[in-house]
N, C-alpha and C. Protein backbone atom coordinates (compact mmCIF):
# COMPACT_ATOMS: atom_id res chain seq x y z
N MET A 1 -15.35 -75.30 -117.84
CA MET A 1 -15.03 -76.42 -117.19
C MET A 1 -14.31 -76.79 -116.17
N GLN A 2 -14.14 -77.48 -114.89
CA GLN A 2 -14.02 -77.56 -113.71
C GLN A 2 -12.56 -77.38 -113.98
N SER A 3 -11.69 -77.36 -112.98
CA SER A 3 -10.21 -77.11 -113.05
C SER A 3 -9.84 -78.81 -112.80
N ALA A 4 -10.08 -79.89 -112.02
CA ALA A 4 -9.81 -80.67 -112.08
C ALA A 4 -10.04 -81.61 -113.60
N GLU A 5 -11.54 -80.97 -114.42
CA GLU A 5 -11.32 -82.06 -115.81
C GLU A 5 -10.77 -81.39 -116.32
N GLY A 6 -10.27 -80.49 -116.46
CA GLY A 6 -8.95 -79.31 -117.46
C GLY A 6 -7.81 -79.95 -117.23
N TRP A 7 -7.57 -80.28 -115.87
CA TRP A 7 -6.20 -80.75 -115.55
C TRP A 7 -6.51 -82.45 -115.87
N ARG A 8 -7.06 -83.19 -116.24
CA ARG A 8 -7.34 -84.60 -116.18
C ARG A 8 -7.19 -84.36 -117.64
N SER A 9 -7.88 -83.61 -118.44
CA SER A 9 -7.80 -83.72 -120.07
C SER A 9 -6.49 -82.99 -120.10
N ILE A 10 -5.85 -82.20 -120.38
CA ILE A 10 -3.95 -81.81 -119.93
C ILE A 10 -3.30 -83.24 -119.96
N LEU A 11 -3.56 -83.89 -118.53
CA LEU A 11 -2.62 -84.70 -118.47
C LEU A 11 -2.75 -86.19 -119.05
N GLU A 12 -4.03 -86.61 -119.67
CA GLU A 12 -4.31 -87.60 -120.71
C GLU A 12 -3.87 -87.30 -121.43
N ASN A 13 -3.93 -86.29 -122.19
CA ASN A 13 -3.73 -86.11 -123.39
C ASN A 13 -2.06 -85.35 -123.95
N TRP A 14 -1.26 -85.66 -123.15
CA TRP A 14 -0.07 -84.96 -123.03
C TRP A 14 0.79 -85.64 -124.44
N PRO A 15 1.02 -84.80 -125.03
CA PRO A 15 1.68 -85.48 -126.17
C PRO A 15 3.16 -86.17 -125.77
N GLU A 16 3.69 -86.96 -126.61
CA GLU A 16 4.87 -87.46 -126.73
C GLU A 16 6.22 -86.18 -127.27
N SER A 17 5.79 -85.53 -127.61
CA SER A 17 6.82 -84.36 -128.18
C SER A 17 7.67 -83.43 -126.88
N ILE A 18 6.64 -83.38 -125.80
CA ILE A 18 6.76 -82.55 -125.22
C ILE A 18 7.06 -83.77 -123.23
N PRO A 19 8.47 -83.37 -122.66
CA PRO A 19 8.53 -83.94 -121.48
C PRO A 19 7.80 -84.31 -120.47
N LYS A 20 7.58 -84.80 -120.29
CA LYS A 20 6.51 -85.41 -119.01
C LYS A 20 7.45 -85.52 -117.57
N GLN A 21 7.58 -83.42 -117.50
CA GLN A 21 8.39 -83.04 -116.08
C GLN A 21 8.13 -81.82 -116.02
N GLY A 22 8.17 -81.57 -114.62
CA GLY A 22 7.79 -80.22 -114.41
C GLY A 22 8.00 -79.93 -112.91
N ILE A 23 6.95 -79.08 -112.30
CA ILE A 23 6.49 -78.49 -110.95
C ILE A 23 5.20 -78.76 -110.82
N VAL A 24 4.55 -79.49 -110.13
CA VAL A 24 2.96 -79.67 -109.71
C VAL A 24 2.76 -78.80 -108.02
N VAL A 25 2.01 -77.79 -108.75
CA VAL A 25 1.92 -76.74 -107.28
C VAL A 25 0.44 -77.49 -107.05
N THR A 26 0.07 -77.63 -105.75
CA THR A 26 -1.18 -78.67 -105.41
C THR A 26 -1.89 -77.31 -104.40
N THR A 27 -3.28 -77.60 -103.56
CA THR A 27 -3.67 -76.51 -103.34
C THR A 27 -3.70 -76.50 -102.01
N PHE A 28 -2.74 -77.24 -101.19
CA PHE A 28 -1.92 -77.28 -100.48
C PHE A 28 -0.75 -76.39 -100.42
N GLN A 29 -0.21 -75.58 -101.35
CA GLN A 29 0.99 -74.96 -101.27
C GLN A 29 1.94 -75.67 -101.45
N GLU A 30 1.83 -76.87 -102.04
CA GLU A 30 3.48 -77.61 -101.69
C GLU A 30 3.95 -77.50 -103.54
N SER A 31 4.92 -77.61 -103.80
CA SER A 31 5.84 -77.46 -105.03
C SER A 31 5.90 -79.25 -105.07
N ILE A 32 6.26 -79.71 -105.83
CA ILE A 32 6.56 -81.23 -106.08
C ILE A 32 7.08 -81.19 -107.70
N PRO A 33 8.35 -81.30 -107.53
CA PRO A 33 8.93 -81.79 -108.85
C PRO A 33 9.02 -83.36 -109.66
N PHE A 34 8.87 -83.24 -110.81
CA PHE A 34 8.01 -84.72 -111.05
C PHE A 34 8.80 -84.69 -112.30
N GLN A 35 9.04 -86.25 -112.88
CA GLN A 35 9.88 -86.66 -113.78
C GLN A 35 9.00 -87.22 -114.46
N ASN A 36 8.10 -87.82 -114.16
CA ASN A 36 6.99 -88.61 -115.60
C ASN A 36 5.54 -88.68 -114.35
N PHE A 37 4.85 -89.18 -114.95
CA PHE A 37 3.32 -89.34 -114.44
C PHE A 37 2.69 -90.75 -115.14
N LEU A 38 1.41 -91.14 -114.00
CA LEU A 38 0.73 -92.10 -114.24
C LEU A 38 -0.89 -91.63 -113.87
N LEU A 39 -1.81 -91.99 -114.85
CA LEU A 39 -3.35 -91.56 -114.25
C LEU A 39 -3.66 -92.70 -114.02
N SER A 40 -5.19 -91.56 -113.09
CA SER A 40 -6.33 -93.07 -113.30
C SER A 40 -7.79 -92.07 -113.06
N SER A 41 -8.96 -93.25 -112.90
CA SER A 41 -9.64 -91.72 -113.25
C SER A 41 -9.54 -90.44 -112.66
N GLY A 42 -9.00 -91.09 -111.22
CA GLY A 42 -9.47 -89.89 -110.06
C GLY A 42 -8.06 -88.90 -109.47
N ILE A 43 -6.42 -89.88 -109.84
CA ILE A 43 -5.57 -89.56 -109.10
C ILE A 43 -4.61 -89.96 -109.75
N VAL A 44 -3.93 -88.58 -109.99
CA VAL A 44 -2.74 -88.55 -110.76
C VAL A 44 -1.10 -89.54 -110.09
N LEU A 45 -0.49 -90.62 -110.71
CA LEU A 45 0.75 -90.54 -109.63
C LEU A 45 1.89 -90.05 -110.13
N PHE A 46 2.70 -88.90 -109.83
CA PHE A 46 3.41 -88.17 -109.70
C PHE A 46 5.03 -88.84 -109.65
N GLU A 47 5.73 -89.24 -110.41
CA GLU A 47 7.64 -89.32 -109.99
C GLU A 47 8.07 -88.73 -110.00
N ARG A 48 8.49 -88.38 -108.61
CA ARG A 48 10.33 -87.51 -108.58
C ARG A 48 11.76 -88.07 -109.14
N ASP A 49 12.63 -87.54 -108.97
CA ASP A 49 13.66 -87.55 -109.67
C ASP A 49 14.62 -88.30 -108.15
N LYS A 50 13.98 -87.00 -107.24
CA LYS A 50 15.15 -87.31 -105.99
C LYS A 50 14.11 -87.27 -104.68
N PRO A 51 14.16 -88.24 -103.69
CA PRO A 51 13.27 -88.60 -102.71
C PRO A 51 13.28 -87.13 -102.46
N ASP A 52 11.84 -86.86 -101.67
CA ASP A 52 11.44 -85.26 -100.63
C ASP A 52 12.14 -85.68 -99.39
N SER A 53 11.83 -84.61 -98.50
CA SER A 53 12.44 -84.81 -97.13
C SER A 53 12.27 -85.86 -96.47
N LEU A 54 10.98 -86.73 -96.50
CA LEU A 54 10.15 -87.87 -96.02
C LEU A 54 11.23 -90.03 -96.58
N GLY A 55 11.80 -89.08 -97.86
CA GLY A 55 12.37 -90.18 -98.61
C GLY A 55 11.46 -90.50 -99.30
N ALA A 56 9.96 -89.70 -99.79
CA ALA A 56 8.97 -90.06 -100.66
C ALA A 56 9.47 -90.02 -102.29
N ARG A 57 9.67 -90.94 -102.90
CA ARG A 57 10.17 -90.63 -104.62
C ARG A 57 8.38 -90.25 -105.43
N LYS A 58 7.11 -90.97 -104.77
CA LYS A 58 6.45 -90.96 -105.97
C LYS A 58 5.08 -90.28 -104.79
N VAL A 59 4.02 -89.65 -105.48
CA VAL A 59 3.40 -89.23 -104.85
C VAL A 59 2.04 -89.31 -105.59
N MET A 60 0.88 -89.64 -105.15
CA MET A 60 -0.60 -89.38 -105.55
C MET A 60 -1.13 -88.47 -105.07
N LEU A 61 -1.63 -87.68 -106.05
CA LEU A 61 -2.38 -86.32 -105.60
C LEU A 61 -3.88 -86.34 -106.67
N SER A 62 -4.93 -86.17 -105.89
CA SER A 62 -6.38 -86.21 -107.17
C SER A 62 -6.07 -85.02 -107.61
N TYR A 63 -6.92 -84.88 -109.04
CA TYR A 63 -7.06 -84.32 -109.95
C TYR A 63 -7.65 -82.46 -109.20
N GLU A 64 -8.54 -83.00 -108.35
CA GLU A 64 -8.69 -81.45 -107.70
C GLU A 64 -8.08 -80.51 -107.08
N ALA A 65 -7.18 -81.28 -106.39
CA ALA A 65 -5.43 -81.27 -105.39
C ALA A 65 -4.56 -79.97 -106.21
N ILE A 66 -4.54 -80.06 -107.37
CA ILE A 66 -3.63 -79.43 -108.72
C ILE A 66 -3.95 -78.10 -108.69
N SER A 67 -2.90 -76.98 -108.37
CA SER A 67 -3.44 -75.74 -108.65
C SER A 67 -3.00 -75.36 -109.67
N ALA A 68 -1.54 -76.16 -110.54
CA ALA A 68 -0.74 -75.45 -111.53
C ALA A 68 -0.04 -76.16 -111.51
N ILE A 69 0.82 -76.25 -112.61
CA ILE A 69 1.71 -77.53 -113.65
C ILE A 69 2.65 -76.25 -114.13
N LYS A 70 3.82 -76.07 -113.41
CA LYS A 70 4.95 -75.61 -114.16
C LYS A 70 5.81 -75.97 -114.72
N LEU A 71 6.43 -75.80 -116.38
CA LEU A 71 6.99 -76.46 -116.83
C LEU A 71 8.44 -75.62 -116.85
N ALA A 72 9.81 -76.24 -116.63
CA ALA A 72 10.83 -75.68 -116.96
C ALA A 72 11.60 -75.73 -117.98
N ASP A 73 10.49 -76.45 -119.06
CA ASP A 73 11.65 -76.18 -120.66
C ASP A 73 11.57 -75.30 -121.37
N THR A 74 12.79 -75.47 -122.42
CA THR A 74 12.66 -73.86 -123.01
C THR A 74 11.77 -74.28 -124.45
N LEU A 75 10.99 -75.12 -124.56
CA LEU A 75 10.13 -75.36 -126.20
C LEU A 75 9.35 -73.91 -126.17
N GLU A 76 9.21 -73.53 -127.85
CA GLU A 76 8.81 -72.52 -128.29
C GLU A 76 7.06 -72.67 -127.59
N LEU A 77 6.33 -71.91 -127.64
CA LEU A 77 4.97 -71.62 -127.20
C LEU A 77 4.05 -72.42 -128.32
N ALA A 78 4.42 -72.09 -129.44
CA ALA A 78 3.64 -72.83 -130.49
C ALA A 78 3.78 -74.57 -130.14
N ARG A 79 4.60 -75.29 -129.68
CA ARG A 79 4.62 -76.77 -129.79
C ARG A 79 3.37 -76.92 -128.67
N TYR A 80 2.75 -76.37 -127.40
CA TYR A 80 1.87 -76.31 -126.50
C TYR A 80 0.90 -76.46 -127.48
N GLN A 81 0.17 -76.16 -128.82
CA GLN A 81 -0.92 -75.90 -129.30
C GLN A 81 -1.80 -77.33 -129.39
N VAL A 82 -0.64 -78.36 -129.67
CA VAL A 82 -1.14 -79.57 -129.61
C VAL A 82 -1.79 -79.91 -128.21
N MET A 83 -1.41 -79.43 -127.03
CA MET A 83 -2.32 -79.27 -125.51
C MET A 83 -3.59 -78.95 -125.68
N GLY A 84 -4.25 -78.19 -126.49
CA GLY A 84 -5.34 -77.53 -126.79
C GLY A 84 -5.22 -76.06 -126.64
N PHE A 85 -3.90 -75.36 -126.30
CA PHE A 85 -3.64 -73.79 -125.91
C PHE A 85 -3.34 -73.18 -127.49
N GLN A 86 -3.79 -72.27 -127.65
CA GLN A 86 -4.23 -71.12 -128.96
C GLN A 86 -3.43 -69.65 -128.54
N PRO A 87 -3.29 -69.25 -129.83
CA PRO A 87 -2.82 -67.47 -129.65
C PRO A 87 -4.07 -66.68 -128.68
N ALA A 88 -3.97 -65.89 -128.35
CA ALA A 88 -4.84 -64.87 -128.22
C ALA A 88 -5.27 -64.05 -129.68
N MET A 89 -6.50 -63.91 -130.14
CA MET A 89 -6.43 -63.15 -131.18
C MET A 89 -7.46 -61.53 -130.77
């Protein structure tokens, strides 16, 4: 599976029990904090809780431009199994 497809799958199937907030790291080496997001077929619209240095509160980013998503919550790892993650065997 290509990484763009993986990110799209994770974002499309994000469970209600896990907050839609974190930090998306782009292939441009930019870290973008977000508090919510909306999806389209090729682009994610991330919403910031505070504007960036240019005043932007929303960022449109292609799935291909996502390098990582960081999560600051303190949920147990087992809660992420609904997103397809499994313990190592």
